[in-house]
Amino acid sequence: MVGAMVLGLGLFAVWVFDLVGRRAASLDTIAAAAKRVALLYDAVVVPGALLIMASGGWTIVTIHGSSFLEIPWLAGMVILFSLEFVEGNTITRLFFLRLRRTTAAAAADPHGQMPDVQRSFLPSFTHFLDIPVFVLIMSLGIFKPTEWSVLILGCVLAVAVALAQTIYFIPRLNGQDGH
């Protein structure tokens, strides 16, 4: 439970600081937000995920063994957590490290331009998928649905929320909507 709280808090804080960076008008503010995001990933998100992996993995192995794959809610939690763990430590993490590096370099240049890194679709989409998938994982553990269709519907809704943020809300937040 502690791991889920730490991970959830970390994901929310990362989301907030990313929005701060996307709304920022100065390179210094973007660089500071990217630095905070990297720090939050290292100090909060990753330890929370490792805590969940250790305690949840131990619990699943000792109680269910390999039969957990026959339980829709539990299999869904494990599969989604595993996919998010890999994605979060590859695509999203690398995106924020690159953003931090490019904004710091641009801020050091007196003629520095805003980096286009924030407009990258895949890293933005996977980043905005983090919270909906986290909510889905927690919902599966709370409600324990016995039908695979609930898991599929939850995945579709999580992707729809992430797409809405990536395609609709974030461009408007960045002033890229043409208005």
C-alpha atoms as a PDB file:
ATOM      1  CA  MET A   1       0.000   0.000   0.000  1.00  0.00           C
ATOM      2  CA  VAL A   2       2.848   2.381   0.820  1.00  0.00           C
ATOM      3  CA  GLY A   3       4.442   1.690  -2.567  1.00  0.00           C
ATOM      4  CA  ALA A   4       1.189   2.539  -4.359  1.00  0.00           C
ATOM      5  CA  MET A   5       0.860   5.786  -2.409  1.00  0.00           C
ATOM      6  CA  VAL A   6       4.454   6.797  -3.107  1.00  0.00           C
ATOM      7  CA  LEU A   7       4.179   5.874  -6.792  1.00  0.00           C
ATOM      8  CA  GLY A   8       0.838   7.654  -7.216  1.00  0.00           C
ATOM      9  CA  LEU A   9       2.087  10.795  -5.506  1.00  0.00           C
ATOM     10  CA  GLY A  10       5.253  10.740  -7.595  1.00  0.00           C
ATOM     11  CA  LEU A  11       3.354  10.310 -10.869  1.00  0.00           C
ATOM     12  CA  PHE A  12       1.014  13.167  -9.980  1.00  0.00           C
ATOM     13  CA  ALA A  13       3.926  15.446  -9.022  1.00  0.00           C
ATOM     14  CA  VAL A  14       5.724  14.605 -12.280  1.00  0.00           C
ATOM     15  CA  TRP A  15       2.542  15.409 -14.206  1.00  0.00           C
ATOM     16  CA  VAL A  16       2.180  18.769 -12.431  1.00  0.00           C
ATOM     17  CA  PHE A  17       5.797  19.822 -13.016  1.00  0.00           C
ATOM     18  CA  ASP A  18       5.554  18.745 -16.645  1.00  0.00           C
ATOM     19  CA  LEU A  19       2.524  21.012 -17.044  1.00  0.00           C
ATOM     20  CA  VAL A  20       4.451  23.841 -15.364  1.00  0.00           C
ATOM     21  CA  GLY A  21       7.251  23.343 -17.886  1.00  0.00           C
ATOM     22  CA  ARG A  22       4.838  23.233 -20.817  1.00  0.00           C
ATOM     23  CA  ARG A  23       3.181  26.495 -19.717  1.00  0.00           C
ATOM     24  CA  ALA A  24       6.469  28.266 -19.077  1.00  0.00           C
ATOM     25  CA  ALA A  25       7.556  31.151 -21.248  1.00  0.00           C
ATOM     26  CA  SER A  26      11.226  31.136 -20.245  1.00  0.00           C
ATOM     27  CA  LEU A  27      13.896  28.530 -20.830  1.00  0.00           C
ATOM     28  CA  ASP A  28      15.006  28.799 -17.209  1.00  0.00           C
ATOM     29  CA  THR A  29      11.539  27.796 -15.987  1.00  0.00           C
ATOM     30  CA  ILE A  30      11.345  24.909 -18.455  1.00  0.00           C
ATOM     31  CA  ALA A  31      14.823  23.726 -17.421  1.00  0.00           C
ATOM     32  CA  ALA A  32      13.899  23.947 -13.723  1.00  0.00           C
ATOM     33  CA  ALA A  33      10.685  21.984 -14.292  1.00  0.00           C
ATOM     34  CA  ALA A  34      12.563  19.312 -16.270  1.00  0.00           C
ATOM     35  CA  LYS A  35      15.134  19.074 -13.477  1.00  0.00           C
ATOM     36  CA  ARG A  36      12.371  18.601 -10.894  1.00  0.00           C
ATOM     37  CA  VAL A  37      10.717  15.932 -13.044  1.00  0.00           C
ATOM     38  CA  ALA A  38      13.998  13.999 -13.297  1.00  0.00           C
ATOM     39  CA  LEU A  39      14.504  14.319  -9.537  1.00  0.00           C
ATOM     40  CA  LEU A  40      10.951  13.131  -8.833  1.00  0.00           C
ATOM     41  CA  TYR A  41      11.407  10.110 -11.089  1.00  0.00           C
ATOM     42  CA  ASP A  42      14.642   9.146  -9.336  1.00  0.00           C
ATOM     43  CA  ALA A  43      13.593   9.937  -5.759  1.00  0.00           C
ATOM     44  CA  VAL A  44       9.878   9.053  -5.708  1.00  0.00           C
ATOM     45  CA  VAL A  45       8.502   7.237  -8.772  1.00  0.00           C
ATOM     46  CA  VAL A  46      11.212   4.590  -9.185  1.00  0.00           C
ATOM     47  CA  PRO A  47      11.432   3.733  -5.444  1.00  0.00           C
ATOM     48  CA  GLY A  48       7.621   3.471  -5.298  1.00  0.00           C
ATOM     49  CA  ALA A  49       7.604   1.169  -8.307  1.00  0.00           C
ATOM     50  CA  LEU A  50      10.408  -0.970  -6.854  1.00  0.00           C
ATOM     51  CA  LEU A  51       8.549  -1.236  -3.553  1.00  0.00           C
ATOM     52  CA  ILE A  52       5.406  -2.379  -5.370  1.00  0.00           C
ATOM     53  CA  MET A  53       7.418  -4.801  -7.467  1.00  0.00           C
ATOM     54  CA  ALA A  54       9.062  -6.374  -4.422  1.00  0.00           C
ATOM     55  CA  SER A  55       6.029  -6.579  -2.149  1.00  0.00           C
ATOM     56  CA  GLY A  56       3.479  -7.313  -4.879  1.00  0.00           C
ATOM     57  CA  GLY A  57       5.716  -9.839  -6.589  1.00  0.00           C
ATOM     58  CA  TRP A  58       6.344 -11.659  -3.316  1.00  0.00           C
ATOM     59  CA  THR A  59       2.643 -11.693  -2.457  1.00  0.00           C
ATOM     60  CA  ILE A  60       1.616 -12.983  -5.882  1.00  0.00           C
ATOM     61  CA  VAL A  61       4.259 -15.725  -5.912  1.00  0.00           C
ATOM     62  CA  THR A  62       3.477 -16.946  -2.401  1.00  0.00           C
ATOM     63  CA  ILE A  63      -0.322 -16.859  -2.731  1.00  0.00           C
ATOM     64  CA  HIS A  64      -1.076 -17.559  -6.395  1.00  0.00           C
ATOM     65  CA  GLY A  65       2.092 -18.871  -8.007  1.00  0.00           C
ATOM     66  CA  SER A  66       1.782 -18.962 -11.785  1.00  0.00           C
ATOM     67  CA  SER A  67      -2.014 -19.324 -11.600  1.00  0.00           C
ATOM     68  CA  PHE A  68      -2.293 -15.522 -11.314  1.00  0.00           C
ATOM     69  CA  LEU A  69      -2.504 -15.461 -15.119  1.00  0.00           C
ATOM     70  CA  GLU A  70      -5.940 -17.087 -14.873  1.00  0.00           C
ATOM     71  CA  ILE A  71      -7.301 -14.257 -12.690  1.00  0.00           C
ATOM     72  CA  PRO A  72      -8.230 -11.299 -14.936  1.00  0.00           C
ATOM     73  CA  TRP A  73      -7.805  -8.502 -12.401  1.00  0.00           C
ATOM     74  CA  LEU A  74      -4.495  -9.819 -11.068  1.00  0.00           C
ATOM     75  CA  ALA A  75      -3.060 -10.669 -14.488  1.00  0.00           C
ATOM     76  CA  GLY A  76      -4.117  -7.220 -15.683  1.00  0.00           C
ATOM     77  CA  MET A  77      -2.396  -5.541 -12.755  1.00  0.00           C
ATOM     78  CA  VAL A  78       0.839  -7.470 -13.346  1.00  0.00           C
ATOM     79  CA  ILE A  79       0.869  -6.960 -17.118  1.00  0.00           C
ATOM     80  CA  LEU A  80       0.000  -3.253 -16.943  1.00  0.00           C
ATOM     81  CA  PHE A  81       2.508  -2.620 -14.155  1.00  0.00           C
ATOM     82  CA  SER A  82       5.247  -4.433 -16.086  1.00  0.00           C
ATOM     83  CA  LEU A  83       4.529  -2.529 -19.292  1.00  0.00           C
ATOM     84  CA  GLU A  84       4.398   0.806 -17.449  1.00  0.00           C
ATOM     85  CA  PHE A  85       7.614   0.038 -15.574  1.00  0.00           C
ATOM     86  CA  VAL A  86       9.478  -0.667 -18.807  1.00  0.00           C
ATOM     87  CA  GLU A  87       7.913   2.297 -20.643  1.00  0.00           C
ATOM     88  CA  GLY A  88       8.479   4.691 -17.748  1.00  0.00           C
ATOM     89  CA  ASN A  89      12.141   3.772 -17.473  1.00  0.00           C
ATOM     90  CA  THR A  90      12.779   3.968 -21.197  1.00  0.00           C
ATOM     91  CA  ILE A  91      10.626   6.283 -23.332  1.00  0.00           C
ATOM     92  CA  THR A  92       9.375   8.697 -20.657  1.00  0.00           C
ATOM     93  CA  ARG A  93      12.574   8.850 -18.618  1.00  0.00           C
ATOM     94  CA  LEU A  94      14.748   9.387 -21.686  1.00  0.00           C
ATOM     95  CA  PHE A  95      12.339  12.091 -22.882  1.00  0.00           C
ATOM     96  CA  PHE A  96      12.699  14.084 -19.669  1.00  0.00           C
ATOM     97  CA  LEU A  97      16.464  13.621 -19.574  1.00  0.00           C
ATOM     98  CA  ARG A  98      16.682  14.901 -23.161  1.00  0.00           C
ATOM     99  CA  LEU A  99      14.347  17.801 -22.304  1.00  0.00           C
ATOM    100  CA  ARG A 100      16.479  18.683 -19.309  1.00  0.00           C
ATOM    101  CA  ARG A 101      19.685  18.546 -21.363  1.00  0.00           C
ATOM    102  CA  THR A 102      18.338  20.571 -24.310  1.00  0.00           C
ATOM    103  CA  THR A 103      16.706  23.260 -22.163  1.00  0.00           C
ATOM    104  CA  ALA A 104      19.832  23.653 -20.041  1.00  0.00           C
ATOM    105  CA  ALA A 105      21.931  24.037 -23.193  1.00  0.00           C
ATOM    106  CA  ALA A 106      19.464  26.490 -24.737  1.00  0.00           C
ATOM    107  CA  ALA A 107      19.261  28.516 -21.506  1.00  0.00           C
ATOM    108  CA  ALA A 108      23.059  28.821 -21.443  1.00  0.00           C
ATOM    109  CA  ASP A 109      23.060  30.231 -24.983  1.00  0.00           C
ATOM    110  CA  PRO A 110      22.213  33.972 -25.072  1.00  0.00           C
ATOM    111  CA  HIS A 111      20.255  33.377 -28.299  1.00  0.00           C
ATOM    112  CA  GLY A 112      18.768  30.088 -27.113  1.00  0.00           C
ATOM    113  CA  GLN A 113      15.462  29.017 -28.598  1.00  0.00           C
ATOM    114  CA  MET A 114      12.690  27.015 -26.968  1.00  0.00           C
ATOM    115  CA  PRO A 115      13.390  23.363 -27.711  1.00  0.00           C
ATOM    116  CA  ASP A 116      10.893  21.413 -29.803  1.00  0.00           C
ATOM    117  CA  VAL A 117      11.399  18.398 -27.545  1.00  0.00           C
ATOM    118  CA  GLN A 118       8.113  18.986 -25.694  1.00  0.00           C
ATOM    119  CA  ARG A 119       6.148  18.512 -28.908  1.00  0.00           C
ATOM    120  CA  SER A 120       7.339  14.907 -29.420  1.00  0.00           C
ATOM    121  CA  PHE A 121       4.207  12.768 -29.714  1.00  0.00           C
ATOM    122  CA  LEU A 122       5.262   9.326 -28.445  1.00  0.00           C
ATOM    123  CA  PRO A 123       7.037  10.447 -25.250  1.00  0.00           C
ATOM    124  CA  SER A 124       4.219  12.889 -24.460  1.00  0.00           C
ATOM    125  CA  PHE A 125       1.580  10.222 -25.055  1.00  0.00           C
ATOM    126  CA  THR A 126       3.343   7.595 -22.925  1.00  0.00           C
ATOM    127  CA  HIS A 127       3.927  10.178 -20.189  1.00  0.00           C
ATOM    128  CA  PHE A 128       0.244  11.128 -20.160  1.00  0.00           C
ATOM    129  CA  LEU A 129      -0.663   7.434 -20.115  1.00  0.00           C
ATOM    130  CA  ASP A 130       1.040   6.984 -16.719  1.00  0.00           C
ATOM    131  CA  ILE A 131      -1.745   8.307 -14.481  1.00  0.00           C
ATOM    132  CA  PRO A 132      -4.681   6.681 -16.326  1.00  0.00           C
ATOM    133  CA  VAL A 133      -2.884   3.315 -16.249  1.00  0.00           C
ATOM    134  CA  PHE A 134      -2.021   3.801 -12.573  1.00  0.00           C
ATOM    135  CA  VAL A 135      -5.705   4.504 -11.846  1.00  0.00           C
ATOM    136  CA  LEU A 136      -6.665   1.409 -13.865  1.00  0.00           C
ATOM    137  CA  ILE A 137      -4.190  -0.772 -11.957  1.00  0.00           C
ATOM    138  CA  MET A 138      -5.493   0.496  -8.617  1.00  0.00           C
ATOM    139  CA  SER A 139      -9.107   0.026  -9.782  1.00  0.00           C
ATOM    140  CA  LEU A 140      -8.404  -3.565 -10.782  1.00  0.00           C
ATOM    141  CA  GLY A 141      -6.985  -4.238  -7.318  1.00  0.00           C
ATOM    142  CA  ILE A 142      -9.916  -2.581  -5.565  1.00  0.00           C
ATOM    143  CA  PHE A 143     -12.836  -3.948  -7.590  1.00  0.00           C
ATOM    144  CA  LYS A 144     -11.279  -7.288  -8.643  1.00  0.00           C
ATOM    145  CA  PRO A 145     -13.341  -7.797 -11.823  1.00  0.00           C
ATOM    146  CA  THR A 146     -13.632 -11.393 -12.978  1.00  0.00           C
ATOM    147  CA  GLU A 147     -14.196 -10.588 -16.664  1.00  0.00           C
ATOM    148  CA  TRP A 148     -11.448  -9.818 -19.148  1.00  0.00           C
ATOM    149  CA  SER A 149     -13.766  -7.333 -20.854  1.00  0.00           C
ATOM    150  CA  VAL A 150     -13.454  -4.959 -17.882  1.00  0.00           C
ATOM    151  CA  LEU A 151      -9.680  -4.943 -18.275  1.00  0.00           C
ATOM    152  CA  ILE A 152      -9.976  -4.302 -22.020  1.00  0.00           C
ATOM    153  CA  LEU A 153     -12.471  -1.483 -21.500  1.00  0.00           C
ATOM    154  CA  GLY A 154     -10.210   0.061 -18.860  1.00  0.00           C
ATOM    155  CA  CYS A 155      -7.253  -0.065 -21.248  1.00  0.00           C
ATOM    156  CA  VAL A 156      -9.280   1.593 -23.997  1.00  0.00           C
ATOM    157  CA  LEU A 157     -10.375   4.353 -21.605  1.00  0.00           C
ATOM    158  CA  ALA A 158      -6.806   4.892 -20.358  1.00  0.00           C
ATOM    159  CA  VAL A 159      -5.522   5.238 -23.926  1.00  0.00           C
ATOM    160  CA  ALA A 160      -8.400   7.605 -24.771  1.00  0.00           C
ATOM    161  CA  VAL A 161      -7.586   9.848 -21.795  1.00  0.00           C
ATOM    162  CA  ALA A 162      -3.887   9.910 -22.700  1.00  0.00           C
ATOM    163  CA  LEU A 163      -4.672  10.660 -26.348  1.00  0.00           C
ATOM    164  CA  ALA A 164      -7.039  13.459 -25.334  1.00  0.00           C
ATOM    165  CA  GLN A 165      -4.315  15.035 -23.206  1.00  0.00           C
ATOM    166  CA  THR A 166      -1.656  14.616 -25.881  1.00  0.00           C
ATOM    167  CA  ILE A 167      -3.659  15.673 -28.925  1.00  0.00           C
ATOM    168  CA  TYR A 168      -6.223  18.110 -27.568  1.00  0.00           C
ATOM    169  CA  PHE A 169      -5.381  19.613 -24.182  1.00  0.00           C
ATOM    170  CA  ILE A 170      -1.597  19.953 -24.257  1.00  0.00           C
ATOM    171  CA  PRO A 171      -1.391  21.804 -27.599  1.00  0.00           C
ATOM    172  CA  ARG A 172      -3.925  24.298 -26.251  1.00  0.00           C
ATOM    173  CA  LEU A 173      -1.965  24.620 -23.055  1.00  0.00           C
ATOM    174  CA  ASN A 174       1.163  25.344 -25.101  1.00  0.00           C
ATOM    175  CA  GLY A 175      -0.667  27.853 -27.297  1.00  0.00           C
ATOM    176  CA  GLN A 176      -0.255  25.619 -30.372  1.00  0.00           C
ATOM    177  CA  ASP A 177      -3.934  25.281 -31.215  1.00  0.00           C
ATOM    178  CA  GLY A 178      -3.984  28.070 -33.750  1.00  0.00           C
ATOM    179  CA  HIS A 179      -6.134  30.377 -31.577  1.00  0.00           C
END
